[in-house]
């Protein structure tokens, strides 16, 4: 067996530094977390918009 076969790296690329792999995984996780948080904030803003419009009456009602 050659050295490349022992590492389990079948892609033909040289093995990456463990810290570089970890940094890439963390960066990807942070991007996904940010996307999820932005989607949640948009959902909350959209859900709050109709409620705020319904609570405030644009024209005051006049008594007879």
C-alpha atoms as a PDB file:
ATOM      1  CA  UNK A   1       0.000   0.000   0.000  1.00  0.00           C
ATOM      2  CA  UNK A   2       1.224   3.476  -0.750  1.00  0.00           C
ATOM      3  CA  UNK A   3       1.211   6.325   1.719  1.00  0.00           C
ATOM      4  CA  UNK A   4      -1.818   7.966   0.020  1.00  0.00           C
ATOM      5  CA  UNK A   5      -3.828   4.777   0.400  1.00  0.00           C
ATOM      6  CA  UNK A   6      -3.093   4.603   4.121  1.00  0.00           C
ATOM      7  CA  UNK A   7      -4.498   8.077   4.816  1.00  0.00           C
ATOM      8  CA  UNK A   8      -7.872   7.248   3.318  1.00  0.00           C
ATOM      9  CA  UNK A   9      -7.658  10.297   1.083  1.00  0.00           C
ATOM     10  CA  UNK A  10      -9.137   9.033  -2.179  1.00  0.00           C
ATOM     11  CA  UNK A  11      -9.689  12.476  -3.698  1.00  0.00           C
ATOM     12  CA  UNK A  12      -6.088  12.825  -4.800  1.00  0.00           C
ATOM     13  CA  UNK A  13      -5.684  16.029  -2.782  1.00  0.00           C
ATOM     14  CA  UNK A  14      -2.959  16.330  -0.167  1.00  0.00           C
ATOM     15  CA  UNK A  15      -4.189  15.939   3.414  1.00  0.00           C
ATOM     16  CA  UNK A  16      -5.279  19.244   4.966  1.00  0.00           C
ATOM     17  CA  UNK A  17      -4.118  20.665   8.217  1.00  0.00           C
ATOM     18  CA  UNK A  18      -6.519  19.814  11.044  1.00  0.00           C
ATOM     19  CA  UNK A  19      -6.744  23.422  12.209  1.00  0.00           C
ATOM     20  CA  UNK A  20      -7.597  24.575   8.680  1.00  0.00           C
ATOM     21  CA  UNK A  21     -10.361  21.964   8.450  1.00  0.00           C
ATOM     22  CA  UNK A  22     -11.716  23.017  11.831  1.00  0.00           C
ATOM     23  CA  UNK A  23     -11.656  26.693  10.850  1.00  0.00           C
ATOM     24  CA  UNK A  24     -13.522  25.910   7.636  1.00  0.00           C
ATOM     25  CA  UNK A  25     -16.165  23.883   9.503  1.00  0.00           C
ATOM     26  CA  UNK A  26     -16.612  26.667  12.052  1.00  0.00           C
ATOM     27  CA  UNK A  27     -16.923  29.295   9.319  1.00  0.00           C
ATOM     28  CA  UNK A  28     -19.564  27.210   7.540  1.00  0.00           C
ATOM     29  CA  UNK A  29     -21.448  26.679  10.803  1.00  0.00           C
ATOM     30  CA  UNK A  30     -21.376  30.400  11.531  1.00  0.00           C
ATOM     31  CA  UNK A  31     -22.712  31.211   8.058  1.00  0.00           C
ATOM     32  CA  UNK A  32     -25.559  28.722   8.467  1.00  0.00           C
ATOM     33  CA  UNK A  33     -26.352  30.071  11.933  1.00  0.00           C
ATOM     34  CA  UNK A  34     -26.446  33.625  10.608  1.00  0.00           C
ATOM     35  CA  UNK A  35     -28.777  32.596   7.773  1.00  0.00           C
ATOM     36  CA  UNK A  36     -31.072  30.848  10.263  1.00  0.00           C
ATOM     37  CA  UNK A  37     -31.113  33.842  12.621  1.00  0.00           C
ATOM     38  CA  UNK A  38     -31.862  36.262   9.775  1.00  0.00           C
ATOM     39  CA  UNK A  39     -34.721  34.054   8.588  1.00  0.00           C
ATOM     40  CA  UNK A  40     -36.125  33.948  12.129  1.00  0.00           C
ATOM     41  CA  UNK A  41     -35.882  37.741  12.425  1.00  0.00           C
ATOM     42  CA  UNK A  42     -37.645  38.198   9.077  1.00  0.00           C
ATOM     43  CA  UNK A  43     -40.363  35.804  10.210  1.00  0.00           C
ATOM     44  CA  UNK A  44     -40.848  37.701  13.447  1.00  0.00           C
ATOM     45  CA  UNK A  45     -40.945  41.035  11.637  1.00  0.00           C
ATOM     46  CA  UNK A  46     -43.518  39.755   9.142  1.00  0.00           C
ATOM     47  CA  UNK A  47     -45.647  38.274  11.906  1.00  0.00           C
ATOM     48  CA  UNK A  48     -45.517  41.512  13.920  1.00  0.00           C
ATOM     49  CA  UNK A  49     -46.351  43.845  11.029  1.00  0.00           C
ATOM     50  CA  UNK A  50     -50.055  42.925  10.591  1.00  0.00           C
ATOM     51  CA  UNK A  51     -50.617  42.916  14.352  1.00  0.00           C
ATOM     52  CA  UNK A  52     -49.215  46.432  14.705  1.00  0.00           C
ATOM     53  CA  UNK A  53     -51.374  47.684  11.831  1.00  0.00           C
ATOM     54  CA  UNK A  54     -54.508  46.187  13.332  1.00  0.00           C
ATOM     55  CA  UNK A  55     -53.798  47.601  16.792  1.00  0.00           C
ATOM     56  CA  UNK A  56     -53.459  51.193  15.621  1.00  0.00           C
ATOM     57  CA  UNK A  57     -56.616  52.619  14.101  1.00  0.00           C
ATOM     58  CA  UNK A  58     -55.732  55.016  11.258  1.00  0.00           C
ATOM     59  CA  UNK A  59     -58.889  57.144  11.637  1.00  0.00           C
ATOM     60  CA  UNK A  60     -60.459  57.930  15.001  1.00  0.00           C
ATOM     61  CA  UNK A  61     -64.103  56.987  15.320  1.00  0.00           C
ATOM     62  CA  UNK A  62     -66.513  59.852  15.870  1.00  0.00           C
ATOM     63  CA  UNK A  63     -69.362  59.617  18.323  1.00  0.00           C
ATOM     64  CA  UNK A  64     -72.883  60.555  17.232  1.00  0.00           C
END
